[in-house]
Amino acid sequence: MLGALAHETRLGIFRLLVRRGFAGLAAGDVATRLTLPAATASFHLAFLKRAGLLVARRESRNIFYAADFKNMTALVGFLQENCCVDEQPLIQIERKKHGKR
């Protein structure tokens, strides 16, 4: 999931869809709002969906995408549990490994 968000365009799409909430946006509207070619938006939307960051639903001829808040919450929880629990900041641990103070 983090790898998917490491790309500037995908991060922009995800931020837009998080702000839109559960309603999401049609793929074409995402492309328009972010001034992306339709094919580019489609590629990145599919990438984010495969990564588990978006959900999609079809309404008539449109595909609407929305942030997958359940997976997003799980990711944030994982990061908090695994990255924020040490008493020593990570930078201090890394400095000790390399003999720096």
Protein backbone atom coordinates (compact mmCIF):
# COMPACT_ATOMS: atom_id res chain seq x y z
CA MET A 1 0.00 0.00 0.00
CA LEU A 2 2.77 2.41 0.87
CA GLY A 3 4.50 1.65 -2.42
CA ALA A 4 1.32 2.53 -4.28
CA LEU A 5 1.14 5.86 -2.48
CA ALA A 6 4.79 6.65 -3.19
CA HIS A 7 3.86 7.87 -6.68
CA GLU A 8 2.84 11.54 -6.83
CA THR A 9 -0.15 10.97 -9.12
CA ARG A 10 -1.52 8.06 -7.09
CA LEU A 11 -1.08 10.02 -3.86
CA GLY A 12 -3.02 12.91 -5.40
CA ILE A 13 -5.82 10.59 -6.50
CA PHE A 14 -5.99 8.96 -3.08
CA ARG A 15 -6.06 12.31 -1.28
CA LEU A 16 -8.89 13.50 -3.54
CA LEU A 17 -10.92 10.36 -2.92
CA VAL A 18 -10.35 10.41 0.84
CA ARG A 19 -11.77 13.94 0.88
CA ARG A 20 -14.78 12.78 -1.15
CA GLY A 21 -15.66 10.18 1.47
CA PHE A 22 -17.71 7.06 0.82
CA ALA A 23 -19.46 8.55 -2.23
CA GLY A 24 -16.22 8.74 -4.18
CA LEU A 25 -16.04 9.98 -7.74
CA ALA A 26 -16.49 8.61 -11.23
CA ALA A 27 -13.20 7.80 -12.96
CA GLY A 28 -13.79 10.55 -15.50
CA ASP A 29 -14.35 13.10 -12.75
CA VAL A 30 -11.08 12.10 -11.09
CA ALA A 31 -9.28 12.64 -14.40
CA THR A 32 -10.95 16.02 -14.92
CA ARG A 33 -10.31 17.34 -11.41
CA LEU A 34 -6.64 16.36 -11.52
CA THR A 35 -6.20 17.29 -15.20
CA LEU A 36 -5.04 13.81 -16.13
CA PRO A 37 -5.55 12.01 -19.42
CA ALA A 38 -8.33 9.42 -19.01
CA ALA A 39 -5.97 6.51 -19.68
CA THR A 40 -3.51 7.75 -17.05
CA ALA A 41 -6.23 8.16 -14.44
CA SER A 42 -7.61 4.72 -15.26
CA PHE A 43 -4.18 3.12 -14.91
CA HIS A 44 -3.52 4.71 -11.51
CA LEU A 45 -7.05 4.05 -10.21
CA ALA A 46 -6.68 0.35 -11.09
CA PHE A 47 -3.24 0.29 -9.42
CA LEU A 48 -4.66 1.77 -6.20
CA LYS A 49 -7.57 -0.66 -6.28
CA ARG A 50 -5.23 -3.65 -6.65
CA ALA A 51 -3.17 -2.31 -3.73
CA GLY A 52 -6.30 -2.36 -1.56
CA LEU A 53 -6.58 1.41 -1.17
CA LEU A 54 -9.71 1.93 -3.28
CA VAL A 55 -13.04 0.24 -3.80
CA ALA A 56 -14.96 0.48 -7.06
CA ARG A 57 -18.61 0.23 -7.97
CA ARG A 58 -20.32 0.35 -11.33
CA GLU A 59 -23.29 2.64 -11.83
CA SER A 60 -24.68 2.40 -15.32
CA ARG A 61 -21.74 3.15 -17.64
CA ASN A 62 -19.56 4.77 -14.97
CA ILE A 63 -17.15 3.27 -12.47
CA PHE A 64 -17.03 5.14 -9.19
CA TYR A 65 -13.96 4.89 -6.99
CA ALA A 66 -13.76 5.63 -3.28
CA ALA A 67 -11.10 5.24 -0.62
CA ASP A 68 -11.19 1.90 1.17
CA PHE A 69 -11.38 3.33 4.66
CA LYS A 70 -11.25 -0.09 6.31
CA ASN A 71 -7.90 -0.91 4.71
CA MET A 72 -6.63 2.63 5.25
CA THR A 73 -7.42 2.38 8.96
CA ALA A 74 -5.72 -1.02 9.14
CA LEU A 75 -2.60 0.42 7.49
CA VAL A 76 -2.45 3.34 9.91
CA GLY A 77 -2.96 0.93 12.81
CA PHE A 78 -0.16 -1.30 11.54
CA LEU A 79 2.19 1.67 11.27
CA GLN A 80 1.32 2.87 14.77
CA GLU A 81 1.77 -0.59 16.24
CA ASN A 82 5.00 -1.42 14.47
CA CYS A 83 6.70 1.91 13.98
CA CYS A 84 5.76 4.02 16.97
CA VAL A 85 6.15 1.71 19.96
CA ASP A 86 9.86 1.93 20.75
CA GLU A 87 10.95 4.19 23.56
CA GLN A 88 14.02 5.26 21.58
CA PRO A 89 13.49 7.12 18.34
CA LEU A 90 14.59 5.12 15.31
CA ILE A 91 17.31 7.63 14.43
CA GLN A 92 19.04 6.96 17.76
CA ILE A 93 18.92 3.21 17.13
CA GLU A 94 20.43 3.66 13.64
CA ARG A 95 23.19 5.91 14.97
CA LYS A 96 24.17 3.30 17.57
CA LYS A 97 24.36 0.62 14.84
CA HIS A 98 26.84 2.74 12.91
CA GLY A 99 28.86 3.89 15.94
CA LYS A 100 27.65 7.48 15.80
CA ARG A 101 26.33 9.55 18.69
